[in-house]
Amino acid sequence: TVMNAIIQDIMRPFGVTPRYAGFPMLVASVELYLEDPNRLSAVIDEIYKPAAKRCRCTSDNVERNIRTIIQQAWRKDPAKLREMAGYTLFTYPKVSEFIEIIAREAEKRKKSSV
């Protein structure tokens, strides 16, 4: 999908590629968020569970695997992650924060490519 390609471009500088088990879970979570940003208010039921269903795993897998991606991104380039967030991050973001950060960046890139 277009979103998959955009997220690959966003994540590649962090050393995160589709080889990561959590990559399709991140894509699904971002897509769910973009469909309805209010889903973050009930992240387990509205994002983790539907993403888990799409990826044929559990909601715990979704959360854990995205957290692994976040930790990798933070180790590789915390300054870039802070820049994308648009606010000060003192430590790596929570999963729900990260989904929102990547979704905003993906939307920005999608609009600029049109």
Protein backbone atom coordinates (compact mmCIF):
# COMPACT_ATOMS: atom_id res chain seq x y z
CA THR A 1 0.00 0.00 0.00
CA VAL A 2 0.98 3.64 -0.30
CA MET A 3 0.98 4.02 3.49
CA ASN A 4 3.25 0.99 3.85
CA ALA A 5 5.77 2.58 1.47
CA ILE A 6 5.61 5.95 3.24
CA ILE A 7 6.14 4.33 6.65
CA GLN A 8 9.08 2.34 5.24
CA ASP A 9 10.66 5.63 4.14
CA ILE A 10 10.05 7.20 7.55
CA MET A 11 11.45 4.25 9.50
CA ARG A 12 14.46 3.32 7.32
CA PRO A 13 16.78 6.03 8.77
CA PHE A 14 16.08 4.52 12.19
CA GLY A 15 17.24 1.12 10.96
CA VAL A 16 13.68 -0.24 11.06
CA THR A 17 12.64 -2.17 7.97
CA PRO A 18 9.80 -4.56 7.12
CA ARG A 19 12.03 -7.36 8.50
CA TYR A 20 10.91 -6.32 11.98
CA ALA A 21 8.03 -8.48 13.23
CA GLY A 22 6.30 -5.32 14.44
CA PHE A 23 6.47 -3.49 11.13
CA PRO A 24 3.09 -4.66 9.75
CA MET A 25 1.62 -4.00 13.21
CA LEU A 26 2.93 -0.44 13.11
CA VAL A 27 1.47 0.08 9.62
CA ALA A 28 -1.91 -1.32 10.70
CA SER A 29 -1.90 0.84 13.85
CA VAL A 30 -1.05 4.00 11.90
CA GLU A 31 -3.78 3.25 9.35
CA LEU A 32 -6.33 2.73 12.13
CA TYR A 33 -5.26 5.99 13.77
CA LEU A 34 -5.55 7.88 10.48
CA GLU A 35 -9.07 6.52 9.94
CA ASP A 36 -10.07 7.97 13.33
CA PRO A 37 -7.58 9.79 15.59
CA ASN A 38 -10.03 9.44 18.51
CA ARG A 39 -9.05 5.77 18.64
CA LEU A 40 -6.02 6.70 20.72
CA SER A 41 -8.32 7.43 23.67
CA ALA A 42 -9.03 3.68 23.85
CA VAL A 43 -5.79 2.42 22.31
CA ILE A 44 -6.09 -1.22 23.40
CA ASP A 45 -9.62 -1.78 22.09
CA GLU A 46 -9.51 0.61 19.15
CA ILE A 47 -5.97 0.12 17.82
CA TYR A 48 -4.13 -2.86 19.33
CA LYS A 49 -6.99 -5.35 19.02
CA PRO A 50 -7.97 -4.48 15.41
CA ALA A 51 -4.28 -4.36 14.40
CA ALA A 52 -3.77 -7.75 16.05
CA LYS A 53 -6.70 -9.16 14.10
CA ARG A 54 -5.23 -7.84 10.82
CA CYS A 55 -1.81 -9.25 11.67
CA ARG A 56 -3.09 -12.52 13.16
CA CYS A 57 -1.53 -12.08 16.58
CA THR A 58 -2.49 -10.82 20.02
CA SER A 59 -2.89 -7.22 21.14
CA ASP A 60 0.02 -7.83 23.55
CA ASN A 61 2.18 -8.75 20.53
CA VAL A 62 1.20 -5.50 18.81
CA GLU A 63 2.15 -3.37 21.80
CA ARG A 64 5.41 -5.24 22.53
CA ASN A 65 6.59 -5.31 18.90
CA ILE A 66 5.87 -1.62 18.35
CA ARG A 67 7.71 -0.88 21.60
CA THR A 68 10.73 -2.76 20.19
CA ILE A 69 10.59 -0.54 17.09
CA ILE A 70 10.37 2.58 19.27
CA GLN A 71 13.42 1.53 21.30
CA GLN A 72 15.39 0.88 18.11
CA ALA A 73 14.40 4.27 16.68
CA TRP A 74 15.34 5.98 19.94
CA ARG A 75 18.74 4.25 20.10
CA LYS A 76 19.51 5.09 16.47
CA ASP A 77 18.43 8.75 16.28
CA PRO A 78 16.63 10.34 19.24
CA ALA A 79 17.12 13.83 17.76
CA LYS A 80 15.23 12.87 14.59
CA LEU A 81 12.42 11.35 16.66
CA ARG A 82 12.21 14.54 18.75
CA GLU A 83 12.07 16.61 15.56
CA MET A 84 9.25 14.47 14.15
CA ALA A 85 7.34 14.69 17.44
CA GLY A 86 7.43 18.46 17.37
CA TYR A 87 7.78 18.59 21.15
CA THR A 88 10.42 17.73 23.71
CA LEU A 89 10.89 14.04 24.38
CA PHE A 90 13.07 13.27 27.39
CA THR A 91 12.83 9.55 26.82
CA TYR A 92 11.42 7.35 24.08
CA PRO A 93 7.70 7.90 23.47
CA LYS A 94 4.90 5.61 24.61
CA VAL A 95 3.39 3.38 21.95
CA SER A 96 0.31 5.60 21.55
CA GLU A 97 2.53 8.70 21.21
CA PHE A 98 4.71 6.95 18.63
CA ILE A 99 1.71 5.89 16.53
CA GLU A 100 0.55 9.51 16.48
CA ILE A 101 4.04 10.83 15.64
CA ILE A 102 4.48 8.39 12.73
CA ALA A 103 0.92 9.01 11.50
CA ARG A 104 1.45 12.79 11.45
CA GLU A 105 4.74 12.39 9.60
CA ALA A 106 3.15 9.97 7.12
CA GLU A 107 0.28 12.37 6.43
CA LYS A 108 2.76 15.21 5.92
CA ARG A 109 4.78 13.16 3.41
CA LYS A 110 1.66 11.91 1.65
CA LYS A 111 0.42 15.47 1.13
CA SER A 112 3.80 16.73 -0.08
CA SER A 113 4.04 13.93 -2.67
CA VAL A 114 0.74 14.86 -4.32
